[in-house]
Every structure is written in C-alpha cells, then in structure tokens.
C-alpha cells in the first residue's frame, strides 16, 4: 500500500525517463522507498522483474543496484547465473542513462558484452557511471558496468552500446 498522497507528489510525465527520475526523486527519501521504487521499476520494465534488484543509488550519470544471491538466480554450480549478471548490468546502465537524458530524448540498447571474471557469490553490486550530459544529437554511446561481490572483488564487467536521440515530433 502506498503512503497516502504519494502519487500526487509525482508529477505528470511524458516519457519513461521522466517517470524514472520523478519517481526516484520522491521515493528514495522515504522509509522503504528504495524497495518500492525497485518494484515500480520491475513493473514498468518487465524484464527487470526477472531478477529481484534493489536500486541503491540513482542520479545523473550514476546507478548502483544490488542483486541478492538467491536460489532462483543461481546456476547448477551454485554461483549467480551469468544471465542474471547480464540482466542486472543492463538495468544499471539503462537507469543511469535514462536519468541523465532530457525528457524529450529516448534510447535503445544495440549491443551488450559481458566478461565474467570469477564466480559470483553473495549480494552482487552493479554500478554504472557515465556522462550526465549527452547533447541533443543522435549518437551512439558506450556504457560500462562493473559488478562486484560483497568483498569488493569484480566478478564481471559489462559494456553496452546504446543509440540515443530526440523523440520524433508528434
């Protein structure tokens, strides 16, 4: 159940990037707000629901998310599955980028590559840092996401190419 009046604090928005920013700006300050935001994100972006993540930090050019090491994300070797790591990397990259874009801009991932460096155990942290400003022209950008275990050891590194540009006039 949402706290009374919470939805009225969220401004009407015209794009998913606007919604992503507005919802975070309101919710992350509230008790349990990061969990609630993470659930909203999973609802808005269906593939995000395939892994249960917690958005820990989000701002211009930055996103940090955590993936719990649960049975449903493990492989037959007992470590976090490679595709679960790829999902959380894509989510971190997309959120960092979406928060950074102007409301009338859009993006689409065109390529993702991931290098697995060691078996992933425990809560995995995926962190993306990128430029907080991209200009208004159509362009391709490359985002990097580092994934680490609870001890701070890097378990994977992902790069994602994304095409960004202005939304077509309506």
N, C-alpha and C. Protein backbone atom coordinates (compact mmCIF):
# COMPACT_ATOMS: atom_id res chain seq x y z
N UNK A 1 0.84 -1.18 0.00
CA UNK A 1 0.00 0.00 0.00
C UNK A 1 0.88 1.24 0.00
N UNK A 2 0.56 2.19 -0.86
CA UNK A 2 1.33 3.42 -0.96
C UNK A 2 0.94 4.38 0.15
N UNK A 3 1.92 5.14 0.67
CA UNK A 3 1.57 6.17 1.64
C UNK A 3 0.57 7.15 1.03
N UNK A 4 -0.37 7.61 1.84
CA UNK A 4 -1.42 8.49 1.35
C UNK A 4 -0.82 9.75 0.74
N UNK A 5 -1.31 10.13 -0.42
CA UNK A 5 -0.87 11.34 -1.09
C UNK A 5 0.42 11.20 -1.88
N UNK A 6 1.04 10.02 -1.86
CA UNK A 6 2.33 9.85 -2.53
C UNK A 6 2.21 10.06 -4.04
N UNK A 7 1.19 9.47 -4.65
CA UNK A 7 1.05 9.60 -6.10
C UNK A 7 0.85 11.04 -6.53
N UNK A 8 0.23 11.84 -5.70
CA UNK A 8 0.02 13.24 -6.07
C UNK A 8 1.33 14.02 -6.07
N UNK A 9 2.35 13.51 -5.41
CA UNK A 9 3.65 14.17 -5.40
C UNK A 9 4.45 13.89 -6.66
N UNK A 10 4.07 12.84 -7.38
CA UNK A 10 4.77 12.50 -8.62
C UNK A 10 4.18 13.34 -9.74
N UNK A 11 5.01 14.15 -10.41
CA UNK A 11 4.48 14.98 -11.48
C UNK A 11 4.04 14.15 -12.67
N UNK A 12 3.10 14.69 -13.43
CA UNK A 12 2.72 14.04 -14.68
C UNK A 12 3.92 14.10 -15.61
N UNK A 13 4.22 13.00 -16.25
CA UNK A 13 5.42 12.95 -17.10
C UNK A 13 5.06 12.45 -18.48
N UNK A 14 5.90 12.80 -19.45
CA UNK A 14 5.62 12.44 -20.83
C UNK A 14 6.47 11.29 -21.34
N UNK A 15 7.49 10.89 -20.61
CA UNK A 15 8.34 9.80 -21.08
C UNK A 15 8.72 8.90 -19.92
N UNK A 16 9.17 7.69 -20.26
CA UNK A 16 9.58 6.77 -19.21
C UNK A 16 10.80 7.29 -18.46
N UNK A 17 11.68 8.02 -19.17
CA UNK A 17 12.84 8.59 -18.49
C UNK A 17 12.39 9.62 -17.46
N UNK A 18 11.37 10.42 -17.80
CA UNK A 18 10.84 11.40 -16.85
C UNK A 18 10.26 10.70 -15.63
N UNK A 19 9.50 9.64 -15.87
CA UNK A 19 8.90 8.89 -14.78
C UNK A 19 9.98 8.29 -13.89
N UNK A 20 11.01 7.74 -14.51
CA UNK A 20 12.10 7.13 -13.77
C UNK A 20 12.74 8.14 -12.81
N UNK A 21 13.00 9.35 -13.30
CA UNK A 21 13.61 10.39 -12.49
C UNK A 21 12.65 10.86 -11.39
N UNK A 22 11.44 11.19 -11.78
CA UNK A 22 10.48 11.74 -10.83
C UNK A 22 10.17 10.77 -9.70
N UNK A 23 9.96 9.51 -10.05
CA UNK A 23 9.64 8.51 -9.03
C UNK A 23 10.81 8.34 -8.07
N UNK A 24 12.03 8.26 -8.58
CA UNK A 24 13.20 8.13 -7.72
C UNK A 24 13.33 9.33 -6.79
N UNK A 25 13.22 10.53 -7.36
CA UNK A 25 13.41 11.75 -6.57
C UNK A 25 12.45 11.82 -5.39
N UNK A 26 11.24 11.30 -5.57
CA UNK A 26 10.26 11.31 -4.48
C UNK A 26 10.46 10.12 -3.54
N UNK A 27 10.59 8.92 -4.10
CA UNK A 27 10.53 7.71 -3.29
C UNK A 27 11.80 7.39 -2.50
N UNK A 28 12.97 7.66 -3.03
CA UNK A 28 14.18 7.16 -2.37
C UNK A 28 14.40 7.76 -0.99
N UNK A 29 13.78 8.87 -0.71
CA UNK A 29 13.95 9.52 0.60
C UNK A 29 13.04 8.92 1.68
N UNK A 30 12.03 8.20 1.25
CA UNK A 30 11.05 7.65 2.19
C UNK A 30 11.53 6.33 2.79
N UNK A 31 11.08 6.01 4.01
CA UNK A 31 11.40 4.69 4.56
C UNK A 31 10.84 3.61 3.62
N UNK A 32 11.68 2.70 3.22
CA UNK A 32 11.27 1.65 2.29
C UNK A 32 11.11 2.13 0.86
N UNK A 33 11.47 3.37 0.60
CA UNK A 33 11.28 3.96 -0.72
C UNK A 33 12.11 3.32 -1.82
N UNK A 34 13.33 2.91 -1.47
CA UNK A 34 14.17 2.25 -2.49
C UNK A 34 13.56 0.91 -2.91
N UNK A 35 13.01 0.18 -1.95
CA UNK A 35 12.35 -1.08 -2.27
C UNK A 35 11.11 -0.83 -3.12
N UNK A 36 10.33 0.17 -2.75
CA UNK A 36 9.13 0.50 -3.51
C UNK A 36 9.49 0.94 -4.93
N UNK A 37 10.51 1.76 -5.06
CA UNK A 37 10.96 2.21 -6.38
C UNK A 37 11.40 1.01 -7.22
N UNK A 38 12.13 0.10 -6.61
CA UNK A 38 12.62 -1.08 -7.34
C UNK A 38 11.45 -1.92 -7.84
N UNK A 39 10.38 -2.01 -7.06
CA UNK A 39 9.18 -2.72 -7.50
C UNK A 39 8.50 -2.00 -8.66
N UNK A 40 8.41 -0.67 -8.56
CA UNK A 40 7.83 0.11 -9.65
C UNK A 40 8.64 -0.09 -10.93
N UNK A 41 9.95 -0.10 -10.80
CA UNK A 41 10.82 -0.29 -11.95
C UNK A 41 10.55 -1.65 -12.60
N UNK A 42 10.40 -2.68 -11.78
CA UNK A 42 10.12 -4.02 -12.30
C UNK A 42 8.77 -4.08 -12.98
N UNK A 43 7.84 -3.27 -12.55
CA UNK A 43 6.52 -3.21 -13.19
C UNK A 43 6.60 -2.47 -14.52
N UNK A 44 7.36 -1.39 -14.54
CA UNK A 44 7.46 -0.58 -15.76
C UNK A 44 8.33 -1.23 -16.82
N UNK A 45 9.33 -2.00 -16.39
CA UNK A 45 10.27 -2.64 -17.31
C UNK A 45 10.18 -4.13 -17.06
N UNK A 46 9.35 -4.85 -17.80
CA UNK A 46 9.06 -6.25 -17.48
C UNK A 46 10.29 -7.14 -17.31
N UNK A 47 11.34 -6.96 -18.13
CA UNK A 47 12.49 -7.84 -17.97
C UNK A 47 13.19 -7.61 -16.63
N UNK A 48 13.00 -6.43 -16.03
CA UNK A 48 13.62 -6.15 -14.74
C UNK A 48 13.05 -7.05 -13.64
N UNK A 49 11.84 -7.54 -13.84
CA UNK A 49 11.22 -8.42 -12.85
C UNK A 49 11.84 -9.81 -12.85
N UNK A 50 12.62 -10.13 -13.89
CA UNK A 50 13.22 -11.46 -13.95
C UNK A 50 14.32 -11.64 -12.91
N UNK A 51 14.86 -10.55 -12.42
CA UNK A 51 15.82 -10.59 -11.32
C UNK A 51 15.36 -9.59 -10.28
N UNK A 52 15.42 -9.95 -9.03
CA UNK A 52 14.95 -9.10 -7.95
C UNK A 52 16.09 -8.19 -7.52
N UNK A 53 16.06 -6.94 -8.00
CA UNK A 53 17.13 -6.00 -7.68
C UNK A 53 16.63 -4.91 -6.74
N UNK A 54 17.57 -4.30 -6.07
CA UNK A 54 17.30 -3.13 -5.23
C UNK A 54 18.12 -1.98 -5.79
N UNK A 55 17.46 -0.91 -6.21
CA UNK A 55 18.17 0.28 -6.66
C UNK A 55 18.63 1.01 -5.41
N UNK A 56 19.94 1.12 -5.26
CA UNK A 56 20.55 1.72 -4.07
C UNK A 56 20.83 3.20 -4.28
N UNK A 57 21.35 3.54 -5.47
CA UNK A 57 21.67 4.93 -5.80
C UNK A 57 21.28 5.18 -7.25
N UNK A 58 20.77 6.38 -7.51
CA UNK A 58 20.43 6.76 -8.87
C UNK A 58 20.53 8.27 -8.99
N UNK A 59 21.21 8.72 -10.00
CA UNK A 59 21.36 10.15 -10.23
C UNK A 59 21.91 10.38 -11.61
N UNK A 60 22.14 11.63 -11.97
CA UNK A 60 22.68 11.92 -13.30
C UNK A 60 24.00 11.17 -13.53
N UNK A 61 24.00 10.28 -14.50
CA UNK A 61 25.21 9.55 -14.86
C UNK A 61 25.64 8.49 -13.87
N UNK A 62 24.75 8.08 -12.98
CA UNK A 62 25.15 7.10 -11.97
C UNK A 62 23.98 6.22 -11.56
N UNK A 63 24.24 4.92 -11.45
CA UNK A 63 23.26 3.99 -10.89
C UNK A 63 24.01 2.86 -10.20
N UNK A 64 23.53 2.51 -9.03
CA UNK A 64 24.06 1.35 -8.30
C UNK A 64 22.88 0.49 -7.89
N UNK A 65 22.92 -0.79 -8.27
CA UNK A 65 21.86 -1.72 -7.91
C UNK A 65 22.48 -2.96 -7.27
N UNK A 66 21.69 -3.62 -6.45
CA UNK A 66 22.13 -4.84 -5.79
C UNK A 66 21.24 -6.00 -6.21
N UNK A 67 21.87 -7.14 -6.42
CA UNK A 67 21.18 -8.38 -6.75
C UNK A 67 21.48 -9.38 -5.66
N UNK A 68 20.43 -9.84 -4.97
CA UNK A 68 20.61 -10.83 -3.92
C UNK A 68 20.93 -12.19 -4.52
N UNK A 69 21.82 -12.90 -3.86
CA UNK A 69 22.18 -14.25 -4.27
C UNK A 69 21.12 -15.19 -3.70
N UNK A 70 20.12 -15.48 -4.54
CA UNK A 70 19.03 -16.37 -4.15
C UNK A 70 19.04 -17.58 -5.07
N UNK A 71 18.40 -18.63 -4.64
CA UNK A 71 18.38 -19.86 -5.42
C UNK A 71 17.91 -19.63 -6.85
N UNK A 72 16.90 -18.77 -7.05
CA UNK A 72 16.34 -18.58 -8.38
C UNK A 72 17.28 -17.90 -9.36
N UNK A 73 18.39 -17.29 -8.89
CA UNK A 73 19.34 -16.67 -9.82
C UNK A 73 20.65 -17.46 -9.91
N UNK A 74 20.68 -18.63 -9.26
CA UNK A 74 21.91 -19.43 -9.28
C UNK A 74 21.91 -20.42 -10.44
N UNK A 75 23.13 -20.79 -10.81
CA UNK A 75 23.30 -21.82 -11.84
C UNK A 75 23.51 -23.18 -11.16
N UNK A 76 23.81 -24.19 -11.95
CA UNK A 76 23.99 -25.54 -11.42
C UNK A 76 25.27 -25.67 -10.57
N UNK A 77 26.15 -24.68 -10.63
CA UNK A 77 27.38 -24.69 -9.83
C UNK A 77 27.22 -23.96 -8.50
N UNK A 78 26.05 -23.38 -8.27
CA UNK A 78 25.79 -22.69 -7.01
C UNK A 78 26.21 -21.23 -6.98
N UNK A 79 26.65 -20.70 -8.12
CA UNK A 79 27.00 -19.28 -8.18
C UNK A 79 25.90 -18.53 -8.92
N UNK A 80 25.96 -17.19 -8.87
CA UNK A 80 24.96 -16.39 -9.56
C UNK A 80 25.11 -16.63 -11.07
N UNK A 81 24.00 -16.91 -11.73
CA UNK A 81 23.99 -17.25 -13.15
C UNK A 81 24.48 -16.08 -14.00
N UNK A 82 25.18 -16.41 -15.05
CA UNK A 82 25.75 -15.41 -15.96
C UNK A 82 24.68 -14.49 -16.53
N UNK A 83 23.54 -15.02 -16.89
CA UNK A 83 22.50 -14.19 -17.49
C UNK A 83 21.86 -13.27 -16.44
N UNK A 84 21.78 -13.70 -15.19
CA UNK A 84 21.30 -12.81 -14.13
C UNK A 84 22.25 -11.62 -14.00
N UNK A 85 23.55 -11.87 -14.10
CA UNK A 85 24.53 -10.78 -14.05
C UNK A 85 24.35 -9.84 -15.24
N UNK A 86 24.09 -10.40 -16.42
CA UNK A 86 23.86 -9.56 -17.60
C UNK A 86 22.60 -8.71 -17.43
N UNK A 87 21.54 -9.30 -16.87
CA UNK A 87 20.30 -8.55 -16.63
C UNK A 87 20.54 -7.36 -15.71
N UNK A 88 21.23 -7.60 -14.61
CA UNK A 88 21.44 -6.52 -13.65
C UNK A 88 22.38 -5.46 -14.22
N UNK A 89 23.34 -5.87 -15.06
CA UNK A 89 24.22 -4.89 -15.70
C UNK A 89 23.43 -4.00 -16.66
N UNK A 90 22.56 -4.61 -17.46
CA UNK A 90 21.75 -3.83 -18.39
C UNK A 90 20.83 -2.86 -17.64
N UNK A 91 20.24 -3.32 -16.57
CA UNK A 91 19.36 -2.46 -15.78
C UNK A 91 20.12 -1.26 -15.22
N UNK A 92 21.31 -1.48 -14.68
CA UNK A 92 22.11 -0.38 -14.12
C UNK A 92 22.49 0.62 -15.21
N UNK A 93 22.92 0.12 -16.36
CA UNK A 93 23.31 1.00 -17.46
C UNK A 93 22.11 1.82 -17.95
N UNK A 94 20.99 1.15 -18.17
CA UNK A 94 19.81 1.84 -18.69
C UNK A 94 19.28 2.88 -17.71
N UNK A 95 19.29 2.57 -16.43
CA UNK A 95 18.79 3.52 -15.43
C UNK A 95 19.70 4.75 -15.34
N UNK A 96 21.02 4.53 -15.33
CA UNK A 96 21.96 5.66 -15.28
C UNK A 96 21.77 6.56 -16.50
N UNK A 97 21.61 5.95 -17.66
CA UNK A 97 21.42 6.72 -18.88
C UNK A 97 20.08 7.44 -18.88
N UNK A 98 19.00 6.72 -18.56
CA UNK A 98 17.67 7.32 -18.58
C UNK A 98 17.57 8.51 -17.63
N UNK A 99 18.20 8.39 -16.46
CA UNK A 99 18.16 9.50 -15.51
C UNK A 99 18.90 10.72 -16.05
N UNK A 100 19.85 10.50 -16.95
CA UNK A 100 20.69 11.57 -17.47
C UNK A 100 20.11 12.29 -18.68
N UNK A 101 19.19 11.65 -19.38
CA UNK A 101 18.67 12.23 -20.61
C UNK A 101 17.60 13.28 -20.35
N UNK A 102 17.49 14.21 -21.29
CA UNK A 102 16.41 15.18 -21.25
C UNK A 102 15.09 14.43 -21.48
N UNK A 103 14.00 15.02 -21.03
CA UNK A 103 12.70 14.34 -21.09
C UNK A 103 12.24 14.02 -22.51
N UNK A 104 12.72 14.77 -23.50
CA UNK A 104 12.28 14.51 -24.87
C UNK A 104 13.30 13.68 -25.66
N UNK A 105 14.19 13.00 -24.96
CA UNK A 105 15.17 12.11 -25.59
C UNK A 105 14.76 10.67 -25.33
N UNK A 106 15.25 9.77 -26.17
CA UNK A 106 14.98 8.35 -25.98
C UNK A 106 16.25 7.56 -26.31
N UNK A 107 16.22 6.27 -25.95
CA UNK A 107 17.39 5.43 -26.23
C UNK A 107 16.95 3.99 -26.46
N UNK A 108 17.85 3.27 -27.13
CA UNK A 108 17.64 1.83 -27.30
C UNK A 108 19.01 1.16 -27.28
N UNK A 109 19.16 0.13 -26.44
CA UNK A 109 20.42 -0.62 -26.44
C UNK A 109 20.59 -1.35 -27.77
N UNK A 110 21.79 -1.33 -28.31
CA UNK A 110 22.06 -2.01 -29.58
C UNK A 110 23.04 -3.17 -29.43
N UNK A 111 23.76 -3.21 -28.32
CA UNK A 111 24.74 -4.29 -28.12
C UNK A 111 25.12 -4.34 -26.65
N UNK A 112 25.30 -5.55 -26.15
CA UNK A 112 25.82 -5.71 -24.79
C UNK A 112 26.86 -6.83 -24.81
N UNK A 113 27.95 -6.57 -24.13
CA UNK A 113 29.03 -7.55 -23.98
C UNK A 113 29.34 -7.65 -22.50
N UNK A 114 29.64 -8.85 -22.06
CA UNK A 114 29.96 -9.02 -20.65
C UNK A 114 31.11 -10.01 -20.52
N UNK A 115 32.04 -9.65 -19.67
CA UNK A 115 33.17 -10.54 -19.36
C UNK A 115 32.99 -11.03 -17.93
N UNK A 116 33.00 -12.33 -17.78
CA UNK A 116 32.86 -12.93 -16.45
C UNK A 116 34.26 -13.18 -15.92
N UNK A 117 34.57 -12.59 -14.78
CA UNK A 117 35.93 -12.63 -14.25
C UNK A 117 36.13 -13.71 -13.19
N UNK A 118 35.09 -14.01 -12.43
CA UNK A 118 35.14 -15.06 -11.43
C UNK A 118 33.73 -15.45 -11.03
N UNK A 119 33.59 -16.57 -10.34
CA UNK A 119 32.27 -16.98 -9.87
C UNK A 119 31.70 -15.91 -8.96
N UNK A 120 30.42 -15.66 -9.13
CA UNK A 120 29.73 -14.63 -8.35
C UNK A 120 28.96 -15.28 -7.21
N UNK A 121 29.28 -14.86 -5.99
CA UNK A 121 28.59 -15.35 -4.79
C UNK A 121 28.23 -14.16 -3.91
N UNK A 122 27.13 -14.28 -3.22
CA UNK A 122 26.70 -13.22 -2.31
C UNK A 122 25.96 -12.13 -3.08
N UNK A 123 25.58 -11.08 -2.37
CA UNK A 123 24.88 -9.96 -3.00
C UNK A 123 25.84 -9.29 -3.98
N UNK A 124 25.40 -9.17 -5.21
CA UNK A 124 26.22 -8.59 -6.27
C UNK A 124 25.80 -7.12 -6.45
N UNK A 125 26.80 -6.25 -6.51
CA UNK A 125 26.55 -4.83 -6.75
C UNK A 125 26.97 -4.49 -8.17
N UNK A 126 26.04 -3.91 -8.92
CA UNK A 126 26.33 -3.45 -10.29
C UNK A 126 26.31 -1.94 -10.27
N UNK A 127 27.38 -1.34 -10.79
CA UNK A 127 27.49 0.12 -10.75
C UNK A 127 27.89 0.65 -12.12
N UNK A 128 27.12 1.63 -12.58
CA UNK A 128 27.39 2.29 -13.86
C UNK A 128 27.61 3.77 -13.60
N UNK A 129 28.68 4.29 -14.16
CA UNK A 129 28.96 5.72 -14.15
C UNK A 129 29.17 6.15 -15.58
N UNK A 130 28.46 7.20 -15.99
CA UNK A 130 28.58 7.70 -17.36
C UNK A 130 28.45 9.21 -17.33
N UNK A 131 28.64 9.81 -18.48
CA UNK A 131 28.48 11.26 -18.59
C UNK A 131 27.04 11.63 -18.23
N UNK A 132 26.86 12.67 -17.43
CA UNK A 132 25.49 13.08 -17.11
C UNK A 132 24.87 13.96 -18.19
N UNK A 133 25.59 14.20 -19.28
CA UNK A 133 25.07 15.07 -20.34
C UNK A 133 25.53 14.54 -21.70
N UNK A 134 24.57 14.41 -22.62
CA UNK A 134 24.86 13.80 -23.91
C UNK A 134 24.57 14.69 -25.10
N UNK A 135 24.04 15.85 -24.89
CA UNK A 135 23.69 16.69 -26.03
C UNK A 135 22.37 16.25 -26.64
N UNK A 136 22.00 16.87 -27.75
CA UNK A 136 20.69 16.65 -28.34
C UNK A 136 20.75 15.86 -29.64
N UNK A 137 21.94 15.60 -30.15
CA UNK A 137 22.03 14.91 -31.45
C UNK A 137 21.96 13.40 -31.28
N UNK A 138 21.56 12.74 -32.36
CA UNK A 138 21.53 11.28 -32.40
C UNK A 138 22.97 10.79 -32.32
N UNK A 139 23.22 9.83 -31.45
CA UNK A 139 24.59 9.34 -31.26
C UNK A 139 24.58 7.98 -30.59
N UNK A 140 25.70 7.30 -30.70
CA UNK A 140 25.88 6.04 -30.01
C UNK A 140 26.82 6.29 -28.84
N UNK A 141 26.45 5.76 -27.69
CA UNK A 141 27.31 5.88 -26.51
C UNK A 141 27.60 4.47 -25.98
N UNK A 142 28.71 4.35 -25.30
CA UNK A 142 29.10 3.09 -24.69
C UNK A 142 29.10 3.28 -23.18
N UNK A 143 28.37 2.42 -22.49
CA UNK A 143 28.27 2.47 -21.03
C UNK A 143 28.99 1.25 -20.46
N UNK A 144 29.67 1.45 -19.34
CA UNK A 144 30.38 0.36 -18.68
C UNK A 144 29.76 0.13 -17.31
N UNK A 145 29.59 -1.13 -16.97
CA UNK A 145 29.04 -1.51 -15.67
C UNK A 145 30.01 -2.48 -15.02
N UNK A 146 30.41 -2.19 -13.79
CA UNK A 146 31.24 -3.09 -13.01
C UNK A 146 30.37 -3.82 -12.01
N UNK A 147 30.56 -5.13 -11.91
CA UNK A 147 29.80 -5.96 -10.98
C UNK A 147 30.77 -6.54 -9.97
N UNK A 148 30.44 -6.41 -8.70
CA UNK A 148 31.34 -6.88 -7.65
C UNK A 148 30.59 -7.64 -6.57
N UNK A 149 31.35 -8.49 -5.86
CA UNK A 149 30.78 -9.29 -4.78
C UNK A 149 30.86 -8.51 -3.47
N UNK A 150 30.37 -9.07 -2.37
CA UNK A 150 30.36 -8.34 -1.10
C UNK A 150 31.74 -7.92 -0.59
N UNK A 151 32.79 -8.62 -1.02
CA UNK A 151 34.14 -8.26 -0.60
C UNK A 151 34.75 -7.19 -1.50
N UNK A 152 34.03 -6.77 -2.52
CA UNK A 152 34.52 -5.75 -3.44
C UNK A 152 35.30 -6.31 -4.62
N UNK A 153 35.35 -7.64 -4.76
CA UNK A 153 36.03 -8.25 -5.90
C UNK A 153 35.15 -8.14 -7.14
N UNK A 154 35.74 -7.71 -8.25
CA UNK A 154 34.98 -7.64 -9.50
C UNK A 154 34.73 -9.04 -10.01
N UNK A 155 33.45 -9.35 -10.26
CA UNK A 155 33.08 -10.67 -10.78
C UNK A 155 32.76 -10.60 -12.27
N UNK A 156 32.42 -9.41 -12.77
CA UNK A 156 32.11 -9.24 -14.19
C UNK A 156 32.20 -7.78 -14.56
N UNK A 157 32.37 -7.54 -15.86
CA UNK A 157 32.35 -6.19 -16.40
C UNK A 157 31.54 -6.24 -17.69
N UNK A 158 30.58 -5.33 -17.80
CA UNK A 158 29.73 -5.29 -18.99
C UNK A 158 29.91 -3.96 -19.71
N UNK A 159 29.83 -4.00 -21.02
CA UNK A 159 29.76 -2.78 -21.81
C UNK A 159 28.50 -2.87 -22.66
N UNK A 160 27.83 -1.76 -22.77
CA UNK A 160 26.59 -1.73 -23.52
C UNK A 160 26.61 -0.54 -24.47
N UNK A 161 26.39 -0.78 -25.74
CA UNK A 161 26.25 0.29 -26.72
C UNK A 161 24.78 0.67 -26.78
N UNK A 162 24.54 1.98 -26.82
CA UNK A 162 23.17 2.49 -26.80
C UNK A 162 23.07 3.62 -27.82
N UNK A 163 22.01 3.60 -28.58
CA UNK A 163 21.72 4.67 -29.53
C UNK A 163 20.76 5.62 -28.83
N UNK A 164 21.14 6.90 -28.77
CA UNK A 164 20.27 7.90 -28.16
C UNK A 164 19.94 8.97 -29.20
N UNK A 165 18.82 9.63 -28.99
CA UNK A 165 18.43 10.70 -29.88
C UNK A 165 17.11 11.31 -29.45
N UNK A 166 16.73 12.40 -30.09
CA UNK A 166 15.47 13.04 -29.73
C UNK A 166 14.27 12.21 -30.18
N UNK A 167 13.18 12.32 -29.42
CA UNK A 167 11.93 11.68 -29.82
C UNK A 167 11.40 12.40 -31.05
N UNK A 168 10.74 11.64 -31.93
CA UNK A 168 10.16 12.32 -33.11
C UNK A 168 9.06 13.28 -32.68
N UNK A 169 8.92 14.35 -33.44
CA UNK A 169 7.86 15.32 -33.15
C UNK A 169 6.51 14.65 -33.38
N UNK A 170 5.54 14.99 -32.51
CA UNK A 170 4.22 14.35 -32.66
C UNK A 170 3.28 15.13 -33.51
